[in-house]
Amino acid sequence: MGALVTAAIAIVGLILGWVAIEMACKPCLEAGRNAIDRSLDPNYDPDENIDRSSGLPAYQALPDQEPSSISTATTKI
Protein backbone atom coordinates (compact mmCIF):
# COMPACT_ATOMS: atom_id res chain seq x y z
CA MET A 1 0.00 0.00 0.00
CA GLY A 2 2.87 2.38 0.77
CA ALA A 3 4.27 1.95 -2.73
CA LEU A 4 0.99 3.06 -4.31
CA VAL A 5 0.81 6.16 -2.14
CA THR A 6 4.43 7.00 -2.93
CA ALA A 7 3.81 6.53 -6.67
CA ALA A 8 0.69 8.71 -6.54
CA ILE A 9 2.55 11.46 -4.69
CA ALA A 10 5.39 11.32 -7.22
CA ILE A 11 2.98 11.54 -10.17
CA VAL A 12 1.10 14.47 -8.64
CA GLY A 13 4.42 16.19 -7.92
CA LEU A 14 5.55 15.76 -11.52
CA ILE A 15 2.27 17.16 -12.84
CA LEU A 16 2.40 20.16 -10.50
CA GLY A 17 6.05 20.80 -11.43
CA TRP A 18 5.22 20.68 -15.13
CA VAL A 19 2.33 23.14 -14.66
CA ALA A 20 4.59 25.47 -12.65
CA ILE A 21 7.26 25.44 -15.39
CA GLU A 22 4.63 26.06 -18.08
CA MET A 23 3.31 29.07 -16.16
CA ALA A 24 6.73 30.50 -15.27
CA CYS A 25 8.24 30.15 -18.75
CA LYS A 26 5.11 30.89 -20.79
CA PRO A 27 6.56 33.71 -22.98
CA CYS A 28 9.67 31.71 -23.82
CA LEU A 29 7.77 28.54 -24.52
CA GLU A 30 5.21 30.31 -26.74
CA ALA A 31 7.95 31.94 -28.81
CA GLY A 32 9.65 28.58 -29.27
CA ARG A 33 6.43 26.84 -30.20
CA ASN A 34 5.62 29.58 -32.72
CA ALA A 35 9.07 29.18 -34.27
CA ILE A 36 8.57 25.43 -34.55
CA ASP A 37 5.13 25.90 -36.10
CA ARG A 38 6.55 28.42 -38.57
CA SER A 39 9.43 26.13 -39.54
CA LEU A 40 7.04 23.24 -40.14
CA ASP A 41 4.76 25.36 -42.36
CA PRO A 42 5.44 24.37 -46.00
CA ASN A 43 4.35 27.84 -47.22
CA TYR A 44 6.86 29.73 -45.03
CA ASP A 45 10.01 30.88 -46.80
CA PRO A 46 12.69 32.01 -44.33
CA ASP A 47 14.72 33.57 -47.16
CA GLU A 48 11.89 35.95 -48.03
CA ASN A 49 12.75 39.19 -46.28
CA ILE A 50 9.47 41.09 -45.93
CA ASP A 51 9.14 44.65 -44.70
CA ARG A 52 6.07 44.21 -42.50
CA SER A 53 5.03 47.87 -42.64
CA SER A 54 4.71 48.04 -46.44
CA GLY A 55 4.25 44.39 -47.33
CA LEU A 56 7.06 44.66 -49.89
CA PRO A 57 10.38 42.87 -49.81
CA ALA A 58 12.93 45.05 -47.99
CA TYR A 59 15.10 45.50 -51.11
CA GLN A 60 12.24 46.52 -53.41
CA ALA A 61 11.74 50.22 -54.10
CA LEU A 62 8.42 51.84 -53.44
CA PRO A 63 6.56 53.00 -56.58
CA ASP A 64 7.35 56.69 -55.99
CA GLN A 65 11.10 56.08 -55.53
CA GLU A 66 13.77 55.79 -58.15
CA PRO A 67 15.80 52.56 -57.95
CA SER A 68 18.97 54.64 -57.57
CA SER A 69 17.61 56.20 -54.35
CA ILE A 70 17.79 52.86 -52.56
CA SER A 71 20.87 52.94 -50.37
CA THR A 72 23.48 50.33 -50.98
CA ALA A 73 26.34 49.57 -48.64
CA THR A 74 29.58 49.82 -50.60
CA THR A 75 32.88 50.57 -49.00
CA LYS A 76 36.27 50.92 -50.57
CA ILE A 77 39.29 49.70 -48.71
PDB file of N, CA and C in Angstrom:
ATOM      1  N   MET A   1       0.829  -1.197   0.000  1.00  0.00           N
ATOM      2  CA  MET A   1       0.000   0.000   0.000  1.00  0.00           C
ATOM      3  C   MET A   1       0.873   1.262   0.000  1.00  0.00           C
ATOM      4  N   GLY A   2       1.984   1.227   0.683  1.00  0.00           N
ATOM      5  CA  GLY A   2       2.873   2.378   0.773  1.00  0.00           C
ATOM      6  C   GLY A   2       3.478   2.731  -0.571  1.00  0.00           C
ATOM      7  N   ALA A   3       3.701   1.701  -1.408  1.00  0.00           N
ATOM      8  CA  ALA A   3       4.275   1.945  -2.731  1.00  0.00           C
ATOM      9  C   ALA A   3       3.295   2.693  -3.621  1.00  0.00           C
ATOM     10  N   LEU A   4       2.009   2.378  -3.505  1.00  0.00           N
ATOM     11  CA  LEU A   4       0.992   3.058  -4.311  1.00  0.00           C
ATOM     12  C   LEU A   4       0.862   4.527  -3.913  1.00  0.00           C
ATOM     13  N   VAL A   5       0.900   4.785  -2.633  1.00  0.00           N
ATOM     14  CA  VAL A   5       0.810   6.163  -2.142  1.00  0.00           C
ATOM     15  C   VAL A   5       2.039   6.946  -2.590  1.00  0.00           C
ATOM     16  N   THR A   6       3.196   6.332  -2.493  1.00  0.00           N
ATOM     17  CA  THR A   6       4.429   6.996  -2.928  1.00  0.00           C
ATOM     18  C   THR A   6       4.391   7.288  -4.422  1.00  0.00           C
ATOM     19  N   ALA A   7       3.918   6.341  -5.216  1.00  0.00           N
ATOM     20  CA  ALA A   7       3.809   6.533  -6.670  1.00  0.00           C
ATOM     21  C   ALA A   7       2.815   7.640  -6.994  1.00  0.00           C
ATOM     22  N   ALA A   8       1.695   7.674  -6.299  1.00  0.00           N
ATOM     23  CA  ALA A   8       0.686   8.708  -6.537  1.00  0.00           C
ATOM     24  C   ALA A   8       1.233  10.091  -6.195  1.00  0.00           C
ATOM     25  N   ILE A   9       1.957  10.186  -5.080  1.00  0.00           N
ATOM     26  CA  ILE A   9       2.546  11.464  -4.685  1.00  0.00           C
ATOM     27  C   ILE A   9       3.585  11.912  -5.715  1.00  0.00           C
ATOM     28  N   ALA A  10       4.378  10.978  -6.214  1.00  0.00           N
ATOM     29  CA  ALA A  10       5.389  11.317  -7.217  1.00  0.00           C
ATOM     30  C   ALA A  10       4.733  11.802  -8.511  1.00  0.00           C
ATOM     31  N   ILE A  11       3.676  11.144  -8.937  1.00  0.00           N
ATOM     32  CA  ILE A  11       2.979  11.537 -10.175  1.00  0.00           C
ATOM     33  C   ILE A  11       2.348  12.918 -10.010  1.00  0.00           C
ATOM     34  N   VAL A  12       1.707  13.152  -8.888  1.00  0.00           N
ATOM     35  CA  VAL A  12       1.099  14.471  -8.638  1.00  0.00           C
ATOM     36  C   VAL A  12       2.185  15.540  -8.580  1.00  0.00           C
ATOM     37  N   GLY A  13       3.314  15.234  -7.978  1.00  0.00           N
ATOM     38  CA  GLY A  13       4.422  16.191  -7.917  1.00  0.00           C
ATOM     39  C   GLY A  13       4.967  16.528  -9.290  1.00  0.00           C
ATOM     40  N   LEU A  14       5.095  15.517 -10.151  1.00  0.00           N
ATOM     41  CA  LEU A  14       5.546  15.759 -11.521  1.00  0.00           C
ATOM     42  C   LEU A  14       4.569  16.641 -12.292  1.00  0.00           C
ATOM     43  N   ILE A  15       3.293  16.365 -12.142  1.00  0.00           N
ATOM     44  CA  ILE A  15       2.274  17.161 -12.841  1.00  0.00           C
ATOM     45  C   ILE A  15       2.293  18.599 -12.350  1.00  0.00           C
ATOM     46  N   LEU A  16       2.368  18.801 -11.041  1.00  0.00           N
ATOM     47  CA  LEU A  16       2.404  20.162 -10.498  1.00  0.00           C
ATOM     48  C   LEU A  16       3.684  20.889 -10.916  1.00  0.00           C
ATOM     49  N   GLY A  17       4.796  20.188 -10.968  1.00  0.00           N
ATOM     50  CA  GLY A  17       6.045  20.800 -11.427  1.00  0.00           C
ATOM     51  C   GLY A  17       5.970  21.207 -12.880  1.00  0.00           C
ATOM     52  N   TRP A  18       5.372  20.362 -13.712  1.00  0.00           N
ATOM     53  CA  TRP A  18       5.216  20.677 -15.130  1.00  0.00           C
ATOM     54  C   TRP A  18       4.327  21.910 -15.316  1.00  0.00           C
ATOM     55  N   VAL A  19       3.229  21.983 -14.569  1.00  0.00           N
ATOM     56  CA  VAL A  19       2.333  23.139 -14.658  1.00  0.00           C
ATOM     57  C   VAL A  19       3.060  24.407 -14.198  1.00  0.00           C
ATOM     58  N   ALA A  20       3.852  24.308 -13.149  1.00  0.00           N
ATOM     59  CA  ALA A  20       4.595  25.473 -12.651  1.00  0.00           C
ATOM     60  C   ALA A  20       5.602  25.963 -13.688  1.00  0.00           C
ATOM     61  N   ILE A  21       6.299  25.046 -14.349  1.00  0.00           N
ATOM     62  CA  ILE A  21       7.258  25.436 -15.387  1.00  0.00           C
ATOM     63  C   ILE A  21       6.540  26.064 -16.571  1.00  0.00           C
ATOM     64  N   GLU A  22       5.412  25.491 -16.968  1.00  0.00           N
ATOM     65  CA  GLU A  22       4.627  26.060 -18.076  1.00  0.00           C
ATOM     66  C   GLU A  22       4.198  27.494 -17.753  1.00  0.00           C
ATOM     67  N   MET A  23       3.768  27.734 -16.535  1.00  0.00           N
ATOM     68  CA  MET A  23       3.308  29.072 -16.162  1.00  0.00           C
ATOM     69  C   MET A  23       4.476  30.047 -16.044  1.00  0.00           C
ATOM     70  N   ALA A  24       5.591  29.616 -15.492  1.00  0.00           N
ATOM     71  CA  ALA A  24       6.734  30.502 -15.270  1.00  0.00           C
ATOM     72  C   ALA A  24       7.436  30.865 -16.580  1.00  0.00           C
ATOM     73  N   CYS A  25       7.487  29.942 -17.499  1.00  0.00           N
ATOM     74  CA  CYS A  25       8.240  30.151 -18.747  1.00  0.00           C
ATOM     75  C   CYS A  25       7.322  30.344 -19.945  1.00  0.00           C
ATOM     76  N   LYS A  26       6.103  30.786 -19.720  1.00  0.00           N
ATOM     77  CA  LYS A  26       5.113  30.886 -20.794  1.00  0.00           C
ATOM     78  C   LYS A  26       5.584  31.723 -21.983  1.00  0.00           C
ATOM     79  N   PRO A  27       6.142  32.938 -21.804  1.00  0.00           N
ATOM     80  CA  PRO A  27       6.560  33.714 -22.982  1.00  0.00           C
ATOM     81  C   PRO A  27       7.636  33.016 -23.807  1.00  0.00           C
ATOM     82  N   CYS A  28       8.587  32.420 -23.117  1.00  0.00           N
ATOM     83  CA  CYS A  28       9.670  31.712 -23.816  1.00  0.00           C
ATOM     84  C   CYS A  28       9.133  30.503 -24.568  1.00  0.00           C
ATOM     85  N   LEU A  29       8.303  29.747 -23.910  1.00  0.00           N
ATOM     86  CA  LEU A  29       7.768  28.536 -24.523  1.00  0.00           C
ATOM     87  C   LEU A  29       6.876  28.861 -25.718  1.00  0.00           C
ATOM     88  N   GLU A  30       6.074  29.927 -25.621  1.00  0.00           N
ATOM     89  CA  GLU A  30       5.208  30.306 -26.738  1.00  0.00           C
ATOM     90  C   GLU A  30       6.027  30.745 -27.944  1.00  0.00           C
ATOM     91  N   ALA A  31       7.097  31.502 -27.699  1.00  0.00           N
ATOM     92  CA  ALA A  31       7.946  31.938 -28.806  1.00  0.00           C
ATOM     93  C   ALA A  31       8.601  30.736 -29.490  1.00  0.00           C
ATOM     94  N   GLY A  32       9.050  29.784 -28.703  1.00  0.00           N
ATOM     95  CA  GLY A  32       9.652  28.583 -29.265  1.00  0.00           C
ATOM     96  C   GLY A  32       8.656  27.745 -30.037  1.00  0.00           C
ATOM     97  N   ARG A  33       7.461  27.620 -29.501  1.00  0.00           N
ATOM     98  CA  ARG A  33       6.429  26.843 -30.196  1.00  0.00           C
ATOM     99  C   ARG A  33       6.010  27.525 -31.491  1.00  0.00           C
ATOM    100  N   ASN A  34       5.942  28.860 -31.484  1.00  0.00           N
ATOM    101  CA  ASN A  34       5.615  29.583 -32.720  1.00  0.00           C
ATOM    102  C   ASN A  34       6.708  29.393 -33.765  1.00  0.00           C
ATOM    103  N   ALA A  35       7.959  29.399 -33.336  1.00  0.00           N
ATOM    104  CA  ALA A  35       9.069  29.181 -34.267  1.00  0.00           C
ATOM    105  C   ALA A  35       9.021  27.785 -34.862  1.00  0.00           C
ATOM    106  N   ILE A  36       8.686  26.792 -34.047  1.00  0.00           N
ATOM    107  CA  ILE A  36       8.574  25.425 -34.553  1.00  0.00           C
ATOM    108  C   ILE A  36       7.421  25.320 -35.533  1.00  0.00           C
ATOM    109  N   ASP A  37       6.277  25.929 -35.191  1.00  0.00           N
ATOM    110  CA  ASP A  37       5.132  25.900 -36.104  1.00  0.00           C
ATOM    111  C   ASP A  37       5.475  26.566 -37.429  1.00  0.00           C
ATOM    112  N   ARG A  38       6.182  27.694 -37.357  1.00  0.00           N
ATOM    113  CA  ARG A  38       6.547  28.418 -38.575  1.00  0.00           C
ATOM    114  C   ARG A  38       7.516  27.593 -39.427  1.00  0.00           C
ATOM    115  N   SER A  39       8.455  26.916 -38.781  1.00  0.00           N
ATOM    116  CA  SER A  39       9.430  26.128 -39.542  1.00  0.00           C
ATOM    117  C   SER A  39       8.799  24.888 -40.155  1.00  0.00           C
ATOM    118  N   LEU A  40       7.721  24.403 -39.586  1.00  0.00           N
ATOM    119  CA  LEU A  40       7.041  23.237 -40.139  1.00  0.00           C
ATOM    120  C   LEU A  40       6.017  23.604 -41.207  1.00  0.00           C
ATOM    121  N   ASP A  41       5.728  24.904 -41.366  1.00  0.00           N
ATOM    122  CA  ASP A  41       4.763  25.362 -42.356  1.00  0.00           C
ATOM    123  C   ASP A  41       5.394  25.281 -43.746  1.00  0.00           C
ATOM    124  N   PRO A  42       4.826  24.498 -44.674  1.00  0.00           N
ATOM    125  CA  PRO A  42       5.440  24.374 -45.996  1.00  0.00           C
ATOM    126  C   PRO A  42       5.359  25.656 -46.825  1.00  0.00           C
ATOM    127  N   ASN A  43       4.489  26.583 -46.467  1.00  0.00           N
ATOM    128  CA  ASN A  43       4.347  27.839 -47.218  1.00  0.00           C
ATOM    129  C   ASN A  43       5.272  28.936 -46.715  1.00  0.00           C
ATOM    130  N   TYR A  44       5.971  28.713 -45.603  1.00  0.00           N
ATOM    131  CA  TYR A  44       6.860  29.731 -45.028  1.00  0.00           C
ATOM    132  C   TYR A  44       8.220  29.654 -45.701  1.00  0.00           C
ATOM    133  N   ASP A  45       8.701  30.810 -46.172  1.00  0.00           N
ATOM    134  CA  ASP A  45      10.009  30.884 -46.803  1.00  0.00           C
ATOM    135  C   ASP A  45      10.904  31.770 -45.937  1.00  0.00           C
ATOM    136  N   PRO A  46      11.857  31.196 -45.214  1.00  0.00           N
ATOM    137  CA  PRO A  46      12.692  32.009 -44.326  1.00  0.00           C
ATOM    138  C   PRO A  46      13.611  32.958 -45.088  1.00  0.00           C
ATOM    139  N   ASP A  47      13.849  32.695 -46.378  1.00  0.00           N
ATOM    140  CA  ASP A  47      14.717  33.574 -47.161  1.00  0.00           C
ATOM    141  C   ASP A  47      13.986  34.804 -47.679  1.00  0.00           C
ATOM    142  N   GLU A  48      12.674  34.806 -47.566  1.00  0.00           N
ATOM    143  CA  GLU A  48      11.889  35.948 -48.034  1.00  0.00           C
ATOM    144  C   GLU A  48      11.912  37.020 -46.956  1.00  0.00           C
ATOM    145  N   ASN A  49      12.598  38.108 -47.242  1.00  0.00           N
ATOM    146  CA  ASN A  49      12.748  39.191 -46.277  1.00  0.00           C
ATOM    147  C   ASN A  49      11.651  40.215 -46.545  1.00  0.00           C
ATOM    148  N   ILE A  50      10.618  40.225 -45.726  1.00  0.00           N
ATOM    149  CA  ILE A  50       9.466  41.087 -45.930  1.00  0.00           C
ATOM    150  C   ILE A  50       9.528  42.272 -44.974  1.00  0.00           C
ATOM    151  N   ASP A  51       9.318  43.466 -45.529  1.00  0.00           N
ATOM    152  CA  ASP A  51       9.143  44.654 -44.698  1.00  0.00           C
ATOM    153  C   ASP A  51       7.687  44.648 -44.260  1.00  0.00           C
ATOM    154  N   ARG A  52       7.434  44.399 -42.990  1.00  0.00           N
ATOM    155  CA  ARG A  52       6.067  44.213 -42.495  1.00  0.00           C
ATOM    156  C   ARG A  52       5.218  45.480 -42.616  1.00  0.00           C
ATOM    157  N   SER A  53       5.827  46.650 -42.589  1.00  0.00           N
ATOM    158  CA  SER A  53       5.031  47.873 -42.637  1.00  0.00           C
ATOM    159  C   SER A  53       4.474  48.134 -44.027  1.00  0.00           C
ATOM    160  N   SER A  54       5.197  47.768 -45.086  1.00  0.00           N
ATOM    161  CA  SER A  54       4.707  48.039 -46.437  1.00  0.00           C
ATOM    162  C   SER A  54       4.242  46.788 -47.153  1.00  0.00           C
ATOM    163  N   GLY A  55       4.628  45.614 -46.672  1.00  0.00           N
ATOM    164  CA  GLY A  55       4.251  44.386 -47.332  1.00  0.00           C
ATOM    165  C   GLY A  55       5.124  44.069 -48.530  1.00  0.00           C
ATOM    166  N   LEU A  56       6.152  44.873 -48.769  1.00  0.00           N
ATOM    167  CA  LEU A  56       7.058  44.660 -49.887  1.00  0.00           C
ATOM    168  C   LEU A  56       8.358  44.065 -49.385  1.00  0.00           C
ATOM    169  N   PRO A  57       9.054  43.316 -50.229  1.00  0.00           N
ATOM    170  CA  PRO A  57      10.383  42.871 -49.808  1.00  0.00           C
ATOM    171  C   PRO A  57      11.249  44.076 -49.469  1.00  0.00           C
ATOM    172  N   ALA A  58      12.140  43.937 -48.504  1.00  0.00           N
ATOM    173  CA  ALA A  58      12.929  45.052 -47.989  1.00  0.00           C
ATOM    174  C   ALA A  58      13.800  45.692 -49.063  1.00  0.00           C
ATOM    175  N   TYR A  59      14.213  44.964 -50.090  1.00  0.00           N
ATOM    176  CA  TYR A  59      15.099  45.503 -51.114  1.00  0.00           C
ATOM    177  C   TYR A  59      14.343  46.148 -52.257  1.00  0.00           C
ATOM    178  N   GLN A  60      13.024  45.998 -52.302  1.00  0.00           N
ATOM    179  CA  GLN A  60      12.241  46.522 -53.414  1.00  0.00           C
ATOM    180  C   GLN A  60      11.881  47.991 -53.179  1.00  0.00           C
ATOM    181  N   ALA A  61      12.046  48.803 -54.214  1.00  0.00           N
ATOM    182  CA  ALA A  61      11.740  50.225 -54.100  1.00  0.00           C
ATOM    183  C   ALA A  61      10.229  50.428 -54.099  1.00  0.00           C
ATOM    184  N   LEU A  62       9.819  51.456 -53.398  1.00  0.00           N
ATOM    185  CA  LEU A  62       8.418  51.837 -53.440  1.00  0.00           C
ATOM    186  C   LEU A  62       8.122  52.482 -54.790  1.00  0.00           C
ATOM    187  N   PRO A  63       6.866  52.480 -55.249  1.00  0.00           N
ATOM    188  CA  PRO A  63       6.559  52.998 -56.584  1.00  0.00           C
ATOM    189  C   PRO A  63       6.984  54.445 -56.821  1.00  0.00           C
ATOM    190  N   ASP A  64       6.996  55.286 -55.805  1.00  0.00           N
ATOM    191  CA  ASP A  64       7.351  56.691 -55.994  1.00  0.00           C
ATOM    192  C   ASP A  64       8.859  56.939 -55.866  1.00  0.00           C
ATOM    193  N   GLN A  65       9.665  55.915 -55.669  1.00  0.00           N
ATOM    194  CA  GLN A  65      11.104  56.083 -55.526  1.00  0.00           C
ATOM    195  C   GLN A  65      11.820  55.584 -56.773  1.00  0.00           C
ATOM    196  N   GLU A  66      12.906  56.245 -57.065  1.00  0.00           N
ATOM    197  CA  GLU A  66      13.772  55.787 -58.147  1.00  0.00           C
ATOM    198  C   GLU A  66      14.639  54.646 -57.621  1.00  0.00           C
ATOM    199  N   PRO A  67      14.946  53.659 -58.436  1.00  0.00           N
ATOM    200  CA  PRO A  67      15.799  52.562 -57.953  1.00  0.00           C
ATOM    201  C   PRO A  67      17.162  53.044 -57.461  1.00  0.00           C
ATOM    202  N   SER A  68      17.662  54.156 -58.001  1.00  0.00           N
ATOM    203  CA  SER A  68      18.969  54.644 -57.572  1.00  0.00           C
ATOM    204  C   SER A  68      18.919  55.263 -56.172  1.00  0.00           C
ATOM    205  N   SER A  69      17.712  55.584 -55.662  1.00  0.00           N
ATOM    206  CA  SER A  69      17.612  56.200 -54.346  1.00  0.00           C
ATOM    207  C   SER A  69      17.673  55.168 -53.222  1.00  0.00           C
ATOM    208  N   ILE A  70      17.669  53.896 -53.572  1.00  0.00           N
ATOM    209  CA  ILE A  70      17.791  52.861 -52.556  1.00  0.00           C
ATOM    210  C   ILE A  70      19.253  52.804 -52.137  1.00  0.00           C
ATOM    211  N   SER A  71      19.480  52.920 -50.847  1.00  0.00           N
ATOM    212  CA  SER A  71      20.867  52.945 -50.373  1.00  0.00           C
ATOM    213  C   SER A  71      21.484  51.571 -50.471  1.00  0.00           C
ATOM    214  N   THR A  72      22.719  51.564 -50.941  1.00  0.00           N
ATOM    215  CA  THR A  72      23.479  50.327 -50.979  1.00  0.00           C
ATOM    216  C   THR A  72      24.746  50.526 -50.167  1.00  0.00           C
ATOM    217  N   ALA A  73      25.159  49.488 -49.506  1.00  0.00           N
ATOM    218  CA  ALA A  73      26.338  49.568 -48.644  1.00  0.00           C
ATOM    219  C   ALA A  73      27.560  49.142 -49.454  1.00  0.00           C
ATOM    220  N   THR A  74      28.319  50.131 -49.920  1.00  0.00           N
ATOM    221  CA  THR A  74      29.575  49.815 -50.604  1.00  0.00           C
ATOM    222  C   THR A  74      30.689  50.594 -49.918  1.00  0.00           C
ATOM    223  N   THR A  75      31.727  49.912 -49.601  1.00  0.00           N
ATOM    224  CA  THR A  75      32.881  50.565 -48.999  1.00  0.00           C
ATOM    225  C   THR A  75      34.126  50.192 -49.782  1.00  0.00           C
ATOM    226  N   LYS A  76      34.998  51.165 -49.899  1.00  0.00           N
ATOM    227  CA  LYS A  76      36.275  50.922 -50.568  1.00  0.00           C
ATOM    228  C   LYS A  76      37.359  50.840 -49.523  1.00  0.00           C
ATOM    229  N   ILE A  77      38.203  49.872 -49.687  1.00  0.00           N
ATOM    230  CA  ILE A  77      39.290  49.697 -48.708  1.00  0.00           C
ATOM    231  C   ILE A  77      40.588  50.109 -49.324  1.00  0.00           C
TER     232      ILE A  77
END
